[in-house]
Amino acid sequence: MKYLESDIAHENGKFWVLKLPKDKGFQVYESGITHSTLRDTIGFPGQEGLDKAIEKCDKRARNAAETQVLPGQKSHSPF
């Protein structure tokens, strides 16, 4: 399926919301180096679906920002 930039309903950092055709809802993606990865699907059309998708997108962006390890910082990971 081919999507256009105009199909992007919301962006927050490296996460973004795609409006699906024919009122099938929305999908939340995470941008990567070579492609974007599907993270959530919201099956509600219209404003209700968009609100839910934006909420999930923004939550993922907040979580990613909170868990990001910057150069010089130590990771809390046991690995």
N, C-alpha and C. Protein backbone atom coordinates (compact mmCIF):
# COMPACT_ATOMS: atom_id res chain seq x y z
N MET A 1 0.85 -1.17 0.00
CA MET A 1 0.00 0.00 0.00
C MET A 1 0.89 1.23 0.00
N LYS A 2 0.51 2.23 -0.75
CA LYS A 2 1.27 3.46 -0.86
C LYS A 2 0.60 4.55 -0.03
N TYR A 3 1.38 5.22 0.80
CA TYR A 3 0.86 6.31 1.62
C TYR A 3 1.56 7.60 1.25
N LEU A 4 0.89 8.70 1.51
CA LEU A 4 1.44 10.02 1.24
C LEU A 4 1.77 10.73 2.54
N GLU A 5 2.62 11.73 2.46
CA GLU A 5 2.95 12.51 3.64
C GLU A 5 1.70 13.13 4.26
N SER A 6 0.73 13.43 3.44
CA SER A 6 -0.52 14.02 3.93
C SER A 6 -1.34 13.01 4.77
N ASP A 7 -0.99 11.73 4.71
CA ASP A 7 -1.67 10.71 5.53
C ASP A 7 -1.15 10.68 6.97
N ILE A 8 -0.07 11.43 7.25
CA ILE A 8 0.46 11.50 8.61
C ILE A 8 -0.41 12.47 9.40
N ALA A 9 -1.02 11.96 10.45
CA ALA A 9 -1.96 12.75 11.25
C ALA A 9 -1.32 13.43 12.44
N HIS A 10 -0.15 12.91 12.89
CA HIS A 10 0.49 13.45 14.10
C HIS A 10 1.93 12.94 14.15
N GLU A 11 2.84 13.77 14.67
CA GLU A 11 4.23 13.35 14.87
C GLU A 11 4.71 13.83 16.23
N ASN A 12 5.53 13.00 16.87
CA ASN A 12 6.14 13.38 18.15
C ASN A 12 7.50 12.69 18.22
N GLY A 13 8.57 13.43 17.97
CA GLY A 13 9.90 12.84 17.95
C GLY A 13 10.00 11.82 16.85
N LYS A 14 10.40 10.59 17.20
CA LYS A 14 10.54 9.56 16.17
C LYS A 14 9.28 8.70 16.02
N PHE A 15 8.20 9.09 16.66
CA PHE A 15 6.93 8.36 16.53
C PHE A 15 5.94 9.18 15.73
N TRP A 16 5.11 8.51 14.96
CA TRP A 16 4.13 9.22 14.13
C TRP A 16 2.89 8.37 13.91
N VAL A 17 1.78 9.05 13.57
CA VAL A 17 0.47 8.40 13.40
C VAL A 17 0.07 8.46 11.93
N LEU A 18 -0.29 7.31 11.38
CA LEU A 18 -0.77 7.19 10.01
C LEU A 18 -2.28 7.02 10.01
N LYS A 19 -2.98 7.82 9.21
CA LYS A 19 -4.42 7.65 9.03
C LYS A 19 -4.63 6.62 7.94
N LEU A 20 -5.32 5.53 8.27
CA LEU A 20 -5.58 4.47 7.30
C LEU A 20 -6.73 4.87 6.37
N PRO A 21 -6.74 4.35 5.15
CA PRO A 21 -7.81 4.69 4.21
C PRO A 21 -9.15 4.08 4.60
N LYS A 22 -10.20 4.63 4.07
CA LYS A 22 -11.56 4.11 4.22
C LYS A 22 -12.00 3.98 5.68
N ASP A 23 -11.62 4.93 6.50
CA ASP A 23 -12.02 4.94 7.92
C ASP A 23 -11.71 3.63 8.64
N LYS A 24 -10.56 3.05 8.36
CA LYS A 24 -10.17 1.81 9.03
C LYS A 24 -9.41 2.07 10.32
N GLY A 25 -9.18 3.33 10.65
CA GLY A 25 -8.51 3.66 11.90
C GLY A 25 -7.15 4.29 11.67
N PHE A 26 -6.24 4.01 12.61
CA PHE A 26 -4.93 4.65 12.61
C PHE A 26 -3.87 3.66 13.04
N GLN A 27 -2.61 3.95 12.68
CA GLN A 27 -1.49 3.14 13.12
C GLN A 27 -0.40 4.06 13.65
N VAL A 28 0.32 3.60 14.67
CA VAL A 28 1.44 4.34 15.25
C VAL A 28 2.73 3.65 14.82
N TYR A 29 3.66 4.43 14.27
CA TYR A 29 4.94 3.91 13.80
C TYR A 29 6.10 4.58 14.55
N GLU A 30 7.22 3.86 14.59
CA GLU A 30 8.47 4.40 15.11
C GLU A 30 9.46 4.50 13.95
N SER A 31 9.99 5.69 13.72
CA SER A 31 10.96 5.91 12.65
C SER A 31 12.28 5.26 13.01
N GLY A 32 12.90 4.63 12.02
CA GLY A 32 14.21 4.02 12.20
C GLY A 32 15.17 4.56 11.15
N ILE A 33 16.33 3.97 11.07
CA ILE A 33 17.35 4.44 10.13
C ILE A 33 16.93 4.16 8.69
N THR A 34 16.39 2.97 8.43
CA THR A 34 16.04 2.61 7.05
C THR A 34 14.54 2.50 6.80
N HIS A 35 13.76 2.38 7.84
CA HIS A 35 12.31 2.22 7.68
C HIS A 35 11.62 2.51 9.01
N SER A 36 10.31 2.59 8.96
CA SER A 36 9.52 2.77 10.18
C SER A 36 8.90 1.43 10.57
N THR A 37 8.75 1.23 11.88
CA THR A 37 8.22 -0.02 12.41
C THR A 37 6.86 0.23 13.05
N LEU A 38 5.88 -0.60 12.69
CA LEU A 38 4.55 -0.51 13.26
C LEU A 38 4.60 -0.84 14.74
N ARG A 39 4.03 0.02 15.59
CA ARG A 39 4.03 -0.19 17.03
C ARG A 39 2.63 -0.39 17.61
N ASP A 40 1.61 0.24 17.03
CA ASP A 40 0.24 0.11 17.54
C ASP A 40 -0.74 0.26 16.39
N THR A 41 -1.88 -0.40 16.50
CA THR A 41 -2.99 -0.22 15.56
C THR A 41 -4.23 0.15 16.36
N ILE A 42 -4.90 1.20 15.92
CA ILE A 42 -6.11 1.68 16.58
C ILE A 42 -7.25 1.51 15.58
N GLY A 43 -8.22 0.68 15.89
CA GLY A 43 -9.28 0.36 14.96
C GLY A 43 -10.48 1.29 14.97
N PHE A 44 -10.40 2.36 15.75
CA PHE A 44 -11.50 3.32 15.80
C PHE A 44 -11.30 4.39 14.74
N PRO A 45 -12.31 4.68 13.92
CA PRO A 45 -12.19 5.75 12.93
C PRO A 45 -12.52 7.11 13.55
N GLY A 46 -12.31 8.15 12.79
CA GLY A 46 -12.73 9.50 13.20
C GLY A 46 -11.92 10.07 14.35
N GLN A 47 -12.51 11.06 15.00
CA GLN A 47 -11.82 11.79 16.06
C GLN A 47 -11.48 10.89 17.25
N GLU A 48 -12.37 9.95 17.58
CA GLU A 48 -12.10 9.04 18.69
C GLU A 48 -10.83 8.23 18.43
N GLY A 49 -10.70 7.71 17.23
CA GLY A 49 -9.51 6.95 16.87
C GLY A 49 -8.26 7.80 16.86
N LEU A 50 -8.38 9.01 16.31
CA LEU A 50 -7.24 9.92 16.26
C LEU A 50 -6.77 10.28 17.66
N ASP A 51 -7.71 10.56 18.56
CA ASP A 51 -7.35 10.89 19.94
C ASP A 51 -6.61 9.73 20.61
N LYS A 52 -7.08 8.50 20.39
CA LYS A 52 -6.43 7.32 20.97
C LYS A 52 -5.03 7.13 20.37
N ALA A 53 -4.92 7.33 19.07
CA ALA A 53 -3.63 7.17 18.39
C ALA A 53 -2.62 8.21 18.86
N ILE A 54 -3.06 9.45 19.00
CA ILE A 54 -2.17 10.50 19.49
C ILE A 54 -1.72 10.20 20.91
N GLU A 55 -2.63 9.73 21.73
CA GLU A 55 -2.30 9.37 23.12
C GLU A 55 -1.22 8.28 23.15
N LYS A 56 -1.37 7.24 22.32
CA LYS A 56 -0.39 6.15 22.28
C LYS A 56 0.95 6.65 21.72
N CYS A 57 0.89 7.47 20.69
CA CYS A 57 2.10 8.02 20.07
C CYS A 57 2.88 8.86 21.08
N ASP A 58 2.19 9.76 21.75
CA ASP A 58 2.84 10.64 22.72
C ASP A 58 3.38 9.86 23.92
N LYS A 59 2.67 8.82 24.34
CA LYS A 59 3.14 7.99 25.45
C LYS A 59 4.43 7.28 25.07
N ARG A 60 4.48 6.74 23.87
CA ARG A 60 5.69 6.06 23.40
C ARG A 60 6.86 7.05 23.31
N ALA A 61 6.58 8.25 22.83
CA ALA A 61 7.64 9.27 22.73
C ALA A 61 8.16 9.65 24.12
N ARG A 62 7.26 9.81 25.09
CA ARG A 62 7.69 10.13 26.47
C ARG A 62 8.54 9.00 27.05
N ASN A 63 8.08 7.76 26.87
CA ASN A 63 8.81 6.61 27.40
C ASN A 63 10.19 6.49 26.75
N ALA A 64 10.27 6.74 25.46
CA ALA A 64 11.56 6.66 24.76
C ALA A 64 12.51 7.74 25.27
N ALA A 65 11.99 8.93 25.52
CA ALA A 65 12.82 10.02 26.02
C ALA A 65 13.31 9.74 27.44
N GLU A 66 12.47 9.12 28.25
CA GLU A 66 12.83 8.82 29.64
C GLU A 66 13.86 7.70 29.74
N THR A 67 13.86 6.78 28.80
CA THR A 67 14.75 5.64 28.88
C THR A 67 15.99 5.79 28.01
N GLN A 68 16.12 6.90 27.32
CA GLN A 68 17.27 7.13 26.44
C GLN A 68 18.54 7.28 27.27
N VAL A 69 19.59 6.55 26.87
CA VAL A 69 20.89 6.65 27.52
C VAL A 69 21.76 7.56 26.66
N LEU A 70 22.20 8.66 27.22
CA LEU A 70 23.02 9.62 26.49
C LEU A 70 24.50 9.23 26.58
N PRO A 71 25.31 9.68 25.62
CA PRO A 71 26.75 9.38 25.68
C PRO A 71 27.33 9.83 27.02
N GLY A 72 28.12 8.98 27.64
CA GLY A 72 28.72 9.30 28.93
C GLY A 72 27.90 8.83 30.12
N GLN A 73 26.64 8.48 29.90
CA GLN A 73 25.80 7.98 30.98
C GLN A 73 25.93 6.47 31.07
N LYS A 74 25.74 5.95 32.25
CA LYS A 74 25.75 4.51 32.44
C LYS A 74 24.33 3.97 32.33
N SER A 75 24.19 2.89 31.62
CA SER A 75 22.91 2.22 31.50
C SER A 75 22.62 1.48 32.79
N HIS A 76 21.37 1.39 33.15
CA HIS A 76 20.96 0.63 34.33
C HIS A 76 20.65 -0.81 33.99
N SER A 77 20.93 -1.18 32.75
CA SER A 77 20.66 -2.54 32.30
C SER A 77 21.65 -3.51 32.94
N PRO A 78 21.20 -4.68 33.36
CA PRO A 78 22.11 -5.67 33.96
C PRO A 78 22.96 -6.39 32.90
N PHE A 79 22.77 -6.09 31.62
CA PHE A 79 23.49 -6.78 30.56
C PHE A 79 24.69 -6.00 30.09
